[in-house]
Amino acid sequence: MNGYETPNLMQALNVLNELLDLTTTYDLTYTRDPEHAQDILTTLKAKVQSHYQQSPQPVHTNANRPYPYDLYYFCLYNLYHNPLVPIEFGSQSKLNQSYIQQIIQTRAYFQMCTVTR
């Protein structure tokens, strides 16, 4: 994308944890305090955008990474291109949970990779 350094495993996990915390906080807040939830959502979008734009595409990275960087990149790609948004109709909670689930699955795969190495 722009030539930034590829994050190491701990940096990638920290990013995923940070995004998970923000998304979970948004999920727990949106019904009780919509204004605060909107602030959280704005922060979440800015963090996703920043991390995505600072991540080089997987084809430009070393293939001998100690973790599946491409999975991390595509998680950020999906979160960036399919942002979490407030919805008027349907289930906001289900939408939030799908966003959370994507982050959790990526993080869980990383943890499996560290155990098997």
PDB file of N, CA and C in Angstrom:
ATOM      1  N   MET A   1       0.804  -1.181   0.000  1.00  0.00           N
ATOM      2  CA  MET A   1       0.000   0.000   0.000  1.00  0.00           C
ATOM      3  C   MET A   1       0.857   1.258   0.000  1.00  0.00           C
ATOM      4  N   ASN A   2       1.595   1.472   1.074  1.00  0.00           N
ATOM      5  CA  ASN A   2       2.362   2.702   1.138  1.00  0.00           C
ATOM      6  C   ASN A   2       3.788   2.507   1.633  1.00  0.00           C
ATOM      7  N   GLY A   3       4.226   1.274   1.830  1.00  0.00           N
ATOM      8  CA  GLY A   3       5.604   1.024   2.195  1.00  0.00           C
ATOM      9  C   GLY A   3       5.920   1.077   3.676  1.00  0.00           C
ATOM     10  N   TYR A   4       4.945   1.117   4.543  1.00  0.00           N
ATOM     11  CA  TYR A   4       5.215   1.082   5.971  1.00  0.00           C
ATOM     12  C   TYR A   4       5.716  -0.295   6.369  1.00  0.00           C
ATOM     13  N   GLU A   5       6.312  -0.382   7.556  1.00  0.00           N
ATOM     14  CA  GLU A   5       6.814  -1.658   8.048  1.00  0.00           C
ATOM     15  C   GLU A   5       5.669  -2.569   8.461  1.00  0.00           C
ATOM     16  N   THR A   6       5.871  -3.852   8.234  1.00  0.00           N
ATOM     17  CA  THR A   6       4.896  -4.846   8.652  1.00  0.00           C
ATOM     18  C   THR A   6       4.980  -4.999  10.168  1.00  0.00           C
ATOM     19  N   PRO A   7       3.848  -4.957  10.869  1.00  0.00           N
ATOM     20  CA  PRO A   7       3.904  -5.112  12.328  1.00  0.00           C
ATOM     21  C   PRO A   7       4.310  -6.532  12.713  1.00  0.00           C
ATOM     22  N   ASN A   8       4.980  -6.647  13.852  1.00  0.00           N
ATOM     23  CA  ASN A   8       5.289  -7.992  14.341  1.00  0.00           C
ATOM     24  C   ASN A   8       4.027  -8.581  14.977  1.00  0.00           C
ATOM     25  N   LEU A   9       4.121  -9.810  15.432  1.00  0.00           N
ATOM     26  CA  LEU A   9       2.954 -10.504  15.977  1.00  0.00           C
ATOM     27  C   LEU A   9       2.332  -9.747  17.150  1.00  0.00           C
ATOM     28  N   MET A  10       3.141  -9.293  18.082  1.00  0.00           N
ATOM     29  CA  MET A  10       2.607  -8.593  19.257  1.00  0.00           C
ATOM     30  C   MET A  10       1.947  -7.277  18.871  1.00  0.00           C
ATOM     31  N   GLN A  11       2.535  -6.553  17.937  1.00  0.00           N
ATOM     32  CA  GLN A  11       1.927  -5.304  17.480  1.00  0.00           C
ATOM     33  C   GLN A  11       0.584  -5.575  16.811  1.00  0.00           C
ATOM     34  N   ALA A  12       0.528  -6.615  15.984  1.00  0.00           N
ATOM     35  CA  ALA A  12      -0.722  -6.962  15.303  1.00  0.00           C
ATOM     36  C   ALA A  12      -1.791  -7.367  16.315  1.00  0.00           C
ATOM     37  N   LEU A  13      -1.417  -8.169  17.307  1.00  0.00           N
ATOM     38  CA  LEU A  13      -2.377  -8.556  18.347  1.00  0.00           C
ATOM     39  C   LEU A  13      -2.849  -7.352  19.150  1.00  0.00           C
ATOM     40  N   ASN A  14      -1.945  -6.428  19.441  1.00  0.00           N
ATOM     41  CA  ASN A  14      -2.337  -5.212  20.160  1.00  0.00           C
ATOM     42  C   ASN A  14      -3.340  -4.392  19.358  1.00  0.00           C
ATOM     43  N   VAL A  15      -3.128  -4.297  18.056  1.00  0.00           N
ATOM     44  CA  VAL A  15      -4.068  -3.571  17.197  1.00  0.00           C
ATOM     45  C   VAL A  15      -5.429  -4.257  17.223  1.00  0.00           C
ATOM     46  N   LEU A  16      -5.439  -5.571  17.053  1.00  0.00           N
ATOM     47  CA  LEU A  16      -6.709  -6.305  17.063  1.00  0.00           C
ATOM     48  C   LEU A  16      -7.414  -6.164  18.410  1.00  0.00           C
ATOM     49  N   ASN A  17      -6.663  -6.218  19.502  1.00  0.00           N
ATOM     50  CA  ASN A  17      -7.262  -6.043  20.832  1.00  0.00           C
ATOM     51  C   ASN A  17      -7.842  -4.645  21.004  1.00  0.00           C
ATOM     52  N   GLU A  18      -7.124  -3.649  20.515  1.00  0.00           N
ATOM     53  CA  GLU A  18      -7.604  -2.272  20.598  1.00  0.00           C
ATOM     54  C   GLU A  18      -8.912  -2.105  19.813  1.00  0.00           C
ATOM     55  N   LEU A  19      -8.954  -2.663  18.604  1.00  0.00           N
ATOM     56  CA  LEU A  19     -10.170  -2.568  17.793  1.00  0.00           C
ATOM     57  C   LEU A  19     -11.315  -3.353  18.428  1.00  0.00           C
ATOM     58  N   LEU A  20     -10.998  -4.488  19.017  1.00  0.00           N
ATOM     59  CA  LEU A  20     -12.020  -5.285  19.697  1.00  0.00           C
ATOM     60  C   LEU A  20     -12.581  -4.535  20.901  1.00  0.00           C
ATOM     61  N   ASP A  21     -11.722  -3.901  21.672  1.00  0.00           N
ATOM     62  CA  ASP A  21     -12.182  -3.120  22.827  1.00  0.00           C
ATOM     63  C   ASP A  21     -13.116  -1.993  22.400  1.00  0.00           C
ATOM     64  N   LEU A  22     -12.730  -1.269  21.366  1.00  0.00           N
ATOM     65  CA  LEU A  22     -13.575  -0.170  20.885  1.00  0.00           C
ATOM     66  C   LEU A  22     -14.916  -0.679  20.367  1.00  0.00           C
ATOM     67  N   THR A  23     -14.881  -1.769  19.617  1.00  0.00           N
ATOM     68  CA  THR A  23     -16.115  -2.314  19.055  1.00  0.00           C
ATOM     69  C   THR A  23     -17.028  -2.837  20.156  1.00  0.00           C
ATOM     70  N   THR A  24     -16.467  -3.511  21.127  1.00  0.00           N
ATOM     71  CA  THR A  24     -17.262  -4.028  22.243  1.00  0.00           C
ATOM     72  C   THR A  24     -17.848  -2.880  23.062  1.00  0.00           C
ATOM     73  N   THR A  25     -17.060  -1.856  23.301  1.00  0.00           N
ATOM     74  CA  THR A  25     -17.554  -0.689  24.027  1.00  0.00           C
ATOM     75  C   THR A  25     -18.696  -0.032  23.264  1.00  0.00           C
ATOM     76  N   TYR A  26     -18.547   0.084  21.960  1.00  0.00           N
ATOM     77  CA  TYR A  26     -19.631   0.639  21.143  1.00  0.00           C
ATOM     78  C   TYR A  26     -20.880  -0.224  21.268  1.00  0.00           C
ATOM     79  N   ASP A  27     -20.708  -1.538  21.196  1.00  0.00           N
ATOM     80  CA  ASP A  27     -21.846  -2.455  21.274  1.00  0.00           C
ATOM     81  C   ASP A  27     -22.579  -2.318  22.607  1.00  0.00           C
ATOM     82  N   LEU A  28     -21.839  -2.111  23.682  1.00  0.00           N
ATOM     83  CA  LEU A  28     -22.453  -1.989  25.004  1.00  0.00           C
ATOM     84  C   LEU A  28     -23.038  -0.605  25.266  1.00  0.00           C
ATOM     85  N   THR A  29     -22.667   0.379  24.452  1.00  0.00           N
ATOM     86  CA  THR A  29     -23.052   1.766  24.706  1.00  0.00           C
ATOM     87  C   THR A  29     -24.163   2.288  23.801  1.00  0.00           C
ATOM     88  N   TYR A  30     -24.278   1.754  22.591  1.00  0.00           N
ATOM     89  CA  TYR A  30     -25.128   2.404  21.586  1.00  0.00           C
ATOM     90  C   TYR A  30     -26.595   2.551  21.987  1.00  0.00           C
ATOM     91  N   THR A  31     -27.146   1.663  22.798  1.00  0.00           N
ATOM     92  CA  THR A  31     -28.559   1.798  23.179  1.00  0.00           C
ATOM     93  C   THR A  31     -28.757   2.766  24.337  1.00  0.00           C
ATOM     94  N   ARG A  32     -27.778   2.848  25.236  1.00  0.00           N
ATOM     95  CA  ARG A  32     -27.931   3.691  26.424  1.00  0.00           C
ATOM     96  C   ARG A  32     -27.498   5.132  26.213  1.00  0.00           C
ATOM     97  N   ASP A  33     -26.459   5.324  25.412  1.00  0.00           N
ATOM     98  CA  ASP A  33     -25.904   6.669  25.238  1.00  0.00           C
ATOM     99  C   ASP A  33     -25.463   6.853  23.785  1.00  0.00           C
ATOM    100  N   PRO A  34     -26.424   7.152  22.902  1.00  0.00           N
ATOM    101  CA  PRO A  34     -26.110   7.249  21.471  1.00  0.00           C
ATOM    102  C   PRO A  34     -25.021   8.275  21.124  1.00  0.00           C
ATOM    103  N   GLU A  35     -24.977   9.383  21.861  1.00  0.00           N
ATOM    104  CA  GLU A  35     -23.959  10.401  21.559  1.00  0.00           C
ATOM    105  C   GLU A  35     -22.555   9.881  21.875  1.00  0.00           C
ATOM    106  N   HIS A  36     -22.415   9.252  23.020  1.00  0.00           N
ATOM    107  CA  HIS A  36     -21.108   8.680  23.384  1.00  0.00           C
ATOM    108  C   HIS A  36     -20.747   7.542  22.428  1.00  0.00           C
ATOM    109  N   ALA A  37     -21.744   6.752  22.053  1.00  0.00           N
ATOM    110  CA  ALA A  37     -21.510   5.652  21.108  1.00  0.00           C
ATOM    111  C   ALA A  37     -21.006   6.192  19.772  1.00  0.00           C
ATOM    112  N   GLN A  38     -21.546   7.322  19.344  1.00  0.00           N
ATOM    113  CA  GLN A  38     -21.099   7.919  18.083  1.00  0.00           C
ATOM    114  C   GLN A  38     -19.638   8.355  18.176  1.00  0.00           C
ATOM    115  N   ASP A  39     -19.241   8.875  19.325  1.00  0.00           N
ATOM    116  CA  ASP A  39     -17.834   9.248  19.534  1.00  0.00           C
ATOM    117  C   ASP A  39     -16.927   8.016  19.462  1.00  0.00           C
ATOM    118  N   ILE A  40     -17.375   6.930  20.072  1.00  0.00           N
ATOM    119  CA  ILE A  40     -16.606   5.681  20.037  1.00  0.00           C
ATOM    120  C   ILE A  40     -16.490   5.180  18.603  1.00  0.00           C
ATOM    121  N   LEU A  41     -17.598   5.249  17.872  1.00  0.00           N
ATOM    122  CA  LEU A  41     -17.605   4.795  16.479  1.00  0.00           C
ATOM    123  C   LEU A  41     -16.658   5.632  15.621  1.00  0.00           C
ATOM    124  N   THR A  42     -16.630   6.929  15.856  1.00  0.00           N
ATOM    125  CA  THR A  42     -15.713   7.811  15.126  1.00  0.00           C
ATOM    126  C   THR A  42     -14.260   7.437  15.423  1.00  0.00           C
ATOM    127  N   THR A  43     -13.963   7.167  16.681  1.00  0.00           N
ATOM    128  CA  THR A  43     -12.615   6.742  17.073  1.00  0.00           C
ATOM    129  C   THR A  43     -12.266   5.410  16.428  1.00  0.00           C
ATOM    130  N   LEU A  44     -13.215   4.477  16.444  1.00  0.00           N
ATOM    131  CA  LEU A  44     -12.999   3.160  15.843  1.00  0.00           C
ATOM    132  C   LEU A  44     -12.683   3.287  14.357  1.00  0.00           C
ATOM    133  N   LYS A  45     -13.462   4.071  13.650  1.00  0.00           N
ATOM    134  CA  LYS A  45     -13.231   4.249  12.208  1.00  0.00           C
ATOM    135  C   LYS A  45     -11.861   4.862  11.946  1.00  0.00           C
ATOM    136  N   ALA A  46     -11.476   5.834  12.758  1.00  0.00           N
ATOM    137  CA  ALA A  46     -10.168   6.475  12.585  1.00  0.00           C
ATOM    138  C   ALA A  46      -9.031   5.485  12.843  1.00  0.00           C
ATOM    139  N   LYS A  47      -9.179   4.646  13.859  1.00  0.00           N
ATOM    140  CA  LYS A  47      -8.146   3.646  14.166  1.00  0.00           C
ATOM    141  C   LYS A  47      -8.031   2.613  13.049  1.00  0.00           C
ATOM    142  N   VAL A  48      -9.177   2.120  12.565  1.00  0.00           N
ATOM    143  CA  VAL A  48      -9.158   1.142  11.471  1.00  0.00           C
ATOM    144  C   VAL A  48      -8.489   1.759  10.247  1.00  0.00           C
ATOM    145  N   GLN A  49      -8.876   2.984   9.917  1.00  0.00           N
ATOM    146  CA  GLN A  49      -8.300   3.658   8.754  1.00  0.00           C
ATOM    147  C   GLN A  49      -6.793   3.827   8.912  1.00  0.00           C
ATOM    148  N   SER A  50      -6.365   4.264  10.066  1.00  0.00           N
ATOM    149  CA  SER A  50      -4.940   4.483  10.313  1.00  0.00           C
ATOM    150  C   SER A  50      -4.139   3.185  10.194  1.00  0.00           C
ATOM    151  N   HIS A  51      -4.602   2.144  10.856  1.00  0.00           N
ATOM    152  CA  HIS A  51      -3.875   0.868  10.818  1.00  0.00           C
ATOM    153  C   HIS A  51      -3.889   0.261   9.418  1.00  0.00           C
ATOM    154  N   TYR A  52      -5.012   0.361   8.741  1.00  0.00           N
ATOM    155  CA  TYR A  52      -5.101  -0.188   7.382  1.00  0.00           C
ATOM    156  C   TYR A  52      -4.162   0.558   6.436  1.00  0.00           C
ATOM    157  N   GLN A  53      -4.179   1.870   6.502  1.00  0.00           N
ATOM    158  CA  GLN A  53      -3.363   2.655   5.581  1.00  0.00           C
ATOM    159  C   GLN A  53      -1.871   2.549   5.884  1.00  0.00           C
ATOM    160  N   GLN A  54      -1.516   2.164   7.094  1.00  0.00           N
ATOM    161  CA  GLN A  54      -0.108   2.003   7.448  1.00  0.00           C
ATOM    162  C   GLN A  54       0.403   0.586   7.213  1.00  0.00           C
ATOM    163  N   SER A  55      -0.463  -0.291   6.735  1.00  0.00           N
ATOM    164  CA  SER A  55      -0.076  -1.693   6.533  1.00  0.00           C
ATOM    165  C   SER A  55       0.238  -1.966   5.070  1.00  0.00           C
ATOM    166  N   PRO A  56       1.428  -2.505   4.798  1.00  0.00           N
ATOM    167  CA  PRO A  56       1.747  -2.847   3.409  1.00  0.00           C
ATOM    168  C   PRO A  56       0.928  -4.050   2.952  1.00  0.00           C
ATOM    169  N   GLN A  57       0.668  -4.114   1.669  1.00  0.00           N
ATOM    170  CA  GLN A  57      -0.062  -5.260   1.134  1.00  0.00           C
ATOM    171  C   GLN A  57       0.766  -6.522   1.328  1.00  0.00           C
ATOM    172  N   PRO A  58       0.111  -7.653   1.571  1.00  0.00           N
ATOM    173  CA  PRO A  58       0.845  -8.899   1.835  1.00  0.00           C
ATOM    174  C   PRO A  58       1.785  -9.330   0.712  1.00  0.00           C
ATOM    175  N   VAL A  59       1.485  -9.005  -0.526  1.00  0.00           N
ATOM    176  CA  VAL A  59       2.353  -9.418  -1.631  1.00  0.00           C
ATOM    177  C   VAL A  59       3.709  -8.729  -1.571  1.00  0.00           C
ATOM    178  N   HIS A  60       3.798  -7.641  -0.811  1.00  0.00           N
ATOM    179  CA  HIS A  60       5.043  -6.889  -0.719  1.00  0.00           C
ATOM    180  C   HIS A  60       5.826  -7.196   0.554  1.00  0.00           C
ATOM    181  N   THR A  61       5.421  -8.229   1.277  1.00  0.00           N
ATOM    182  CA  THR A  61       6.098  -8.540   2.533  1.00  0.00           C
ATOM    183  C   THR A  61       6.867  -9.847   2.416  1.00  0.00           C
ATOM    184  N   ASN A  62       7.726 -10.068   3.371  1.00  0.00           N
ATOM    185  CA  ASN A  62       8.520 -11.289   3.427  1.00  0.00           C
ATOM    186  C   ASN A  62       7.603 -12.478   3.703  1.00  0.00           C
ATOM    187  N   ALA A  63       7.747 -13.537   2.944  1.00  0.00           N
ATOM    188  CA  ALA A  63       6.886 -14.714   3.099  1.00  0.00           C
ATOM    189  C   ALA A  63       7.199 -15.500   4.369  1.00  0.00           C
ATOM    190  N   ASN A  64       8.316 -15.249   4.995  1.00  0.00           N
ATOM    191  CA  ASN A  64       8.711 -16.005   6.187  1.00  0.00           C
ATOM    192  C   ASN A  64       8.309 -15.297   7.478  1.00  0.00           C
ATOM    193  N   ARG A  65       7.112 -14.781   7.524  1.00  0.00           N
ATOM    194  CA  ARG A  65       6.621 -14.103   8.721  1.00  0.00           C
ATOM    195  C   ARG A  65       6.308 -15.135   9.801  1.00  0.00           C
ATOM    196  N   PRO A  66       6.493 -14.794  11.069  1.00  0.00           N
ATOM    197  CA  PRO A  66       6.180 -15.732  12.150  1.00  0.00           C
ATOM    198  C   PRO A  66       4.677 -15.837  12.438  1.00  0.00           C
ATOM    199  N   TYR A  67       3.868 -15.117  11.701  1.00  0.00           N
ATOM    200  CA  TYR A  67       2.416 -15.199  11.845  1.00  0.00           C
ATOM    201  C   TYR A  67       1.796 -14.895  10.484  1.00  0.00           C
ATOM    202  N   PRO A  68       0.532 -15.241  10.293  1.00  0.00           N
ATOM    203  CA  PRO A  68      -0.108 -15.028   8.987  1.00  0.00           C
ATOM    204  C   PRO A  68      -0.480 -13.552   8.775  1.00  0.00           C
ATOM    205  N   TYR A  69       0.498 -12.770   8.358  1.00  0.00           N
ATOM    206  CA  TYR A  69       0.274 -11.340   8.154  1.00  0.00           C
ATOM    207  C   TYR A  69      -0.865 -11.085   7.179  1.00  0.00           C
ATOM    208  N   ASP A  70      -0.986 -11.924   6.154  1.00  0.00           N
ATOM    209  CA  ASP A  70      -2.046 -11.704   5.172  1.00  0.00           C
ATOM    210  C   ASP A  70      -3.424 -11.753   5.824  1.00  0.00           C
ATOM    211  N   LEU A  71      -3.609 -12.605   6.814  1.00  0.00           N
ATOM    212  CA  LEU A  71      -4.888 -12.676   7.527  1.00  0.00           C
ATOM    213  C   LEU A  71      -5.147 -11.383   8.294  1.00  0.00           C
ATOM    214  N   TYR A  72      -4.120 -10.864   8.935  1.00  0.00           N
ATOM    215  CA  TYR A  72      -4.219  -9.583   9.643  1.00  0.00           C
ATOM    216  C   TYR A  72      -4.586  -8.469   8.664  1.00  0.00           C
ATOM    217  N   TYR A  73      -3.882  -8.425   7.546  1.00  0.00           N
ATOM    218  CA  TYR A  73      -4.133  -7.382   6.552  1.00  0.00           C
ATOM    219  C   TYR A  73      -5.567  -7.468   6.027  1.00  0.00           C
ATOM    220  N   PHE A  74      -6.019  -8.669   5.709  1.00  0.00           N
ATOM    221  CA  PHE A  74      -7.362  -8.797   5.149  1.00  0.00           C
ATOM    222  C   PHE A  74      -8.445  -8.537   6.188  1.00  0.00           C
ATOM    223  N   CYS A  75      -8.158  -8.775   7.442  1.00  0.00           N
ATOM    224  CA  CYS A  75      -9.091  -8.384   8.499  1.00  0.00           C
ATOM    225  C   CYS A  75      -9.230  -6.865   8.505  1.00  0.00           C
ATOM    226  N   LEU A  76      -8.095  -6.161   8.493  1.00  0.00           N
ATOM    227  CA  LEU A  76      -8.137  -4.694   8.433  1.00  0.00           C
ATOM    228  C   LEU A  76      -8.809  -4.210   7.155  1.00  0.00           C
ATOM    229  N   TYR A  77      -8.517  -4.884   6.055  1.00  0.00           N
ATOM    230  CA  TYR A  77      -9.121  -4.535   4.766  1.00  0.00           C
ATOM    231  C   TYR A  77     -10.646  -4.617   4.860  1.00  0.00           C
ATOM    232  N   ASN A  78     -11.140  -5.718   5.413  1.00  0.00           N
ATOM    233  CA  ASN A  78     -12.590  -5.893   5.530  1.00  0.00           C
ATOM    234  C   ASN A  78     -13.214  -4.887   6.490  1.00  0.00           C
ATOM    235  N   LEU A  79     -12.549  -4.616   7.601  1.00  0.00           N
ATOM    236  CA  LEU A  79     -13.073  -3.646   8.559  1.00  0.00           C
ATOM    237  C   LEU A  79     -13.084  -2.242   7.962  1.00  0.00           C
ATOM    238  N   TYR A  80     -12.076  -1.937   7.164  1.00  0.00           N
ATOM    239  CA  TYR A  80     -11.980  -0.619   6.535  1.00  0.00           C
ATOM    240  C   TYR A  80     -13.022  -0.442   5.431  1.00  0.00           C
ATOM    241  N   HIS A  81     -13.166  -1.450   4.595  1.00  0.00           N
ATOM    242  CA  HIS A  81     -14.075  -1.338   3.452  1.00  0.00           C
ATOM    243  C   HIS A  81     -15.524  -1.668   3.796  1.00  0.00           C
ATOM    244  N   ASN A  82     -15.759  -2.250   4.951  1.00  0.00           N
ATOM    245  CA  ASN A  82     -17.115  -2.545   5.434  1.00  0.00           C
ATOM    246  C   ASN A  82     -17.243  -2.001   6.853  1.00  0.00           C
ATOM    247  N   PRO A  83     -17.234  -0.682   6.985  1.00  0.00           N
ATOM    248  CA  PRO A  83     -17.181  -0.095   8.327  1.00  0.00           C
ATOM    249  C   PRO A  83     -18.453  -0.362   9.135  1.00  0.00           C
ATOM    250  N   LEU A  84     -18.280  -0.355  10.424  1.00  0.00           N
ATOM    251  CA  LEU A  84     -19.407  -0.464  11.333  1.00  0.00           C
ATOM    252  C   LEU A  84     -20.161   0.858  11.288  1.00  0.00           C
ATOM    253  N   VAL A  85     -21.448   0.794  11.062  1.00  0.00           N
ATOM    254  CA  VAL A  85     -22.274   1.997  10.960  1.00  0.00           C
ATOM    255  C   VAL A  85     -23.539   1.813  11.788  1.00  0.00           C
ATOM    256  N   PRO A  86     -24.087   2.905  12.299  1.00  0.00           N
ATOM    257  CA  PRO A  86     -25.382   2.788  12.974  1.00  0.00           C
ATOM    258  C   PRO A  86     -26.471   2.543  11.928  1.00  0.00           C
ATOM    259  N   ILE A  87     -27.407   1.672  12.247  1.00  0.00           N
ATOM    260  CA  ILE A  87     -28.479   1.377  11.299  1.00  0.00           C
ATOM    261  C   ILE A  87     -29.826   1.727  11.916  1.00  0.00           C
ATOM    262  N   GLU A  88     -30.760   2.097  11.050  1.00  0.00           N
ATOM    263  CA  GLU A  88     -32.108   2.458  11.488  1.00  0.00           C
ATOM    264  C   GLU A  88     -33.006   1.231  11.577  1.00  0.00           C
ATOM    265  N   PHE A  89     -32.871   0.323  10.617  1.00  0.00           N
ATOM    266  CA  PHE A  89     -33.723  -0.862  10.550  1.00  0.00           C
ATOM    267  C   PHE A  89     -32.855  -2.102  10.684  1.00  0.00           C
ATOM    268  N   GLY A  90     -33.386  -3.119  11.308  1.00  0.00           N
ATOM    269  CA  GLY A  90     -32.617  -4.340  11.499  1.00  0.00           C
ATOM    270  C   GLY A  90     -32.011  -4.372  12.886  1.00  0.00           C
ATOM    271  N   SER A  91     -31.066  -5.246  13.062  1.00  0.00           N
ATOM    272  CA  SER A  91     -30.468  -5.455  14.381  1.00  0.00           C
ATOM    273  C   SER A  91     -29.053  -4.882  14.434  1.00  0.00           C
ATOM    274  N   GLN A  92     -28.914  -3.776  15.140  1.00  0.00           N
ATOM    275  CA  GLN A  92     -27.592  -3.181  15.329  1.00  0.00           C
ATOM    276  C   GLN A  92     -26.684  -4.154  16.070  1.00  0.00           C
ATOM    277  N   SER A  93     -27.243  -4.857  17.022  1.00  0.00           N
ATOM    278  CA  SER A  93     -26.450  -5.803  17.805  1.00  0.00           C
ATOM    279  C   SER A  93     -25.860  -6.905  16.928  1.00  0.00           C
ATOM    280  N   LYS A  94     -26.641  -7.426  15.990  1.00  0.00           N
ATOM    281  CA  LYS A  94     -26.127  -8.475  15.096  1.00  0.00           C
ATOM    282  C   LYS A  94     -25.025  -7.930  14.198  1.00  0.00           C
ATOM    283  N   LEU A  95     -25.192  -6.704  13.740  1.00  0.00           N
ATOM    284  CA  LEU A  95     -24.158  -6.071  12.922  1.00  0.00           C
ATOM    285  C   LEU A  95     -22.877  -5.902  13.741  1.00  0.00           C
ATOM    286  N   ASN A  96     -23.028  -5.420  14.963  1.00  0.00           N
ATOM    287  CA  ASN A  96     -21.872  -5.250  15.842  1.00  0.00           C
ATOM    288  C   ASN A  96     -21.185  -6.585  16.093  1.00  0.00           C
ATOM    289  N   GLN A  97     -21.982  -7.622  16.330  1.00  0.00           N
ATOM    290  CA  GLN A  97     -21.423  -8.937  16.621  1.00  0.00           C
ATOM    291  C   GLN A  97     -20.652  -9.513  15.431  1.00  0.00           C
ATOM    292  N   SER A  98     -21.106  -9.244  14.230  1.00  0.00           N
ATOM    293  CA  SER A  98     -20.366  -9.746  13.061  1.00  0.00           C
ATOM    294  C   SER A  98     -19.008  -9.052  12.946  1.00  0.00           C
ATOM    295  N   TYR A  99     -18.969  -7.779  13.281  1.00  0.00           N
ATOM    296  CA  TYR A  99     -17.716  -7.019  13.278  1.00  0.00           C
ATOM    297  C   TYR A  99     -16.777  -7.569  14.354  1.00  0.00           C
ATOM    298  N   ILE A 100     -17.330  -7.785  15.543  1.00  0.00           N
ATOM    299  CA  ILE A 100     -16.563  -8.341  16.658  1.00  0.00           C
ATOM    300  C   ILE A 100     -16.051  -9.734  16.304  1.00  0.00           C
ATOM    301  N   GLN A 101     -16.905 -10.540  15.698  1.00  0.00           N
ATOM    302  CA  GLN A 101     -16.546 -11.915  15.360  1.00  0.00           C
ATOM    303  C   GLN A 101     -15.361 -11.974  14.401  1.00  0.00           C
ATOM    304  N   GLN A 102     -15.322 -11.072  13.452  1.00  0.00           N
ATOM    305  CA  GLN A 102     -14.208 -11.066  12.502  1.00  0.00           C
ATOM    306  C   GLN A 102     -12.883 -10.801  13.218  1.00  0.00           C
ATOM    307  N   ILE A 103     -12.894  -9.871  14.148  1.00  0.00           N
ATOM    308  CA  ILE A 103     -11.679  -9.556  14.900  1.00  0.00           C
ATOM    309  C   ILE A 103     -11.281 -10.745  15.780  1.00  0.00           C
ATOM    310  N   ILE A 104     -12.251 -11.339  16.441  1.00  0.00           N
ATOM    311  CA  ILE A 104     -11.975 -12.475  17.328  1.00  0.00           C
ATOM    312  C   ILE A 104     -11.413 -13.658  16.545  1.00  0.00           C
ATOM    313  N   GLN A 105     -11.974 -13.935  15.382  1.00  0.00           N
ATOM    314  CA  GLN A 105     -11.484 -15.058  14.579  1.00  0.00           C
ATOM    315  C   GLN A 105     -10.042 -14.846  14.140  1.00  0.00           C
ATOM    316  N   THR A 106      -9.718 -13.641  13.728  1.00  0.00           N
ATOM    317  CA  THR A 106      -8.344 -13.343  13.314  1.00  0.00           C
ATOM    318  C   THR A 106      -7.398 -13.496  14.500  1.00  0.00           C
ATOM    319  N   ARG A 107      -7.795 -12.942  15.621  1.00  0.00           N
ATOM    320  CA  ARG A 107      -6.971 -13.024  16.829  1.00  0.00           C
ATOM    321  C   ARG A 107      -6.783 -14.472  17.282  1.00  0.00           C
ATOM    322  N   ALA A 108      -7.843 -15.255  17.229  1.00  0.00           N
ATOM    323  CA  ALA A 108      -7.764 -16.663  17.635  1.00  0.00           C
ATOM    324  C   ALA A 108      -6.823 -17.442  16.722  1.00  0.00           C
ATOM    325  N   TYR A 109      -6.853 -17.142  15.440  1.00  0.00           N
ATOM    326  CA  TYR A 109      -5.957 -17.826  14.510  1.00  0.00           C
ATOM    327  C   TYR A 109      -4.500 -17.489  14.824  1.00  0.00           C
ATOM    328  N   PHE A 110      -4.240 -16.243  15.162  1.00  0.00           N
ATOM    329  CA  PHE A 110      -2.884 -15.846  15.553  1.00  0.00           C
ATOM    330  C   PHE A 110      -2.438 -16.635  16.772  1.00  0.00           C
ATOM    331  N   GLN A 111      -3.319 -16.764  17.747  1.00  0.00           N
ATOM    332  CA  GLN A 111      -2.972 -17.471  18.972  1.00  0.00           C
ATOM    333  C   GLN A 111      -2.714 -18.948  18.696  1.00  0.00           C
ATOM    334  N   MET A 112      -3.459 -19.536  17.764  1.00  0.00           N
ATOM    335  CA  MET A 112      -3.202 -20.926  17.376  1.00  0.00           C
ATOM    336  C   MET A 112      -1.835 -21.051  16.720  1.00  0.00           C
ATOM    337  N   CYS A 113      -1.470 -20.073  15.914  1.00  0.00           N
ATOM    338  CA  CYS A 113      -0.170 -20.106  15.231  1.00  0.00           C
ATOM    339  C   CYS A 113       0.980 -20.015  16.224  1.00  0.00           C
ATOM    340  N   THR A 114       0.819 -19.242  17.277  1.00  0.00           N
ATOM    341  CA  THR A 114       1.901 -19.107  18.251  1.00  0.00           C
ATOM    342  C   THR A 114       2.049 -20.371  19.087  1.00  0.00           C
ATOM    343  N   VAL A 115       0.971 -21.102  19.295  1.00  0.00           N
ATOM    344  CA  VAL A 115       1.029 -22.347  20.064  1.00  0.00           C
ATOM    345  C   VAL A 115       1.702 -23.442  19.252  1.00  0.00           C
ATOM    346  N   THR A 116       1.452 -23.477  17.945  1.00  0.00           N
ATOM    347  CA  THR A 116       1.988 -24.543  17.098  1.00  0.00           C
ATOM    348  C   THR A 116       3.426 -24.301  16.680  1.00  0.00           C
ATOM    349  N   ARG A 117       3.975 -23.151  16.937  1.00  0.00           N
ATOM    350  CA  ARG A 117       5.361 -22.859  16.526  1.00  0.00           C
ATOM    351  C   ARG A 117       6.332 -23.153  17.619  1.00  0.00           C
TER     352      ARG A 117
END
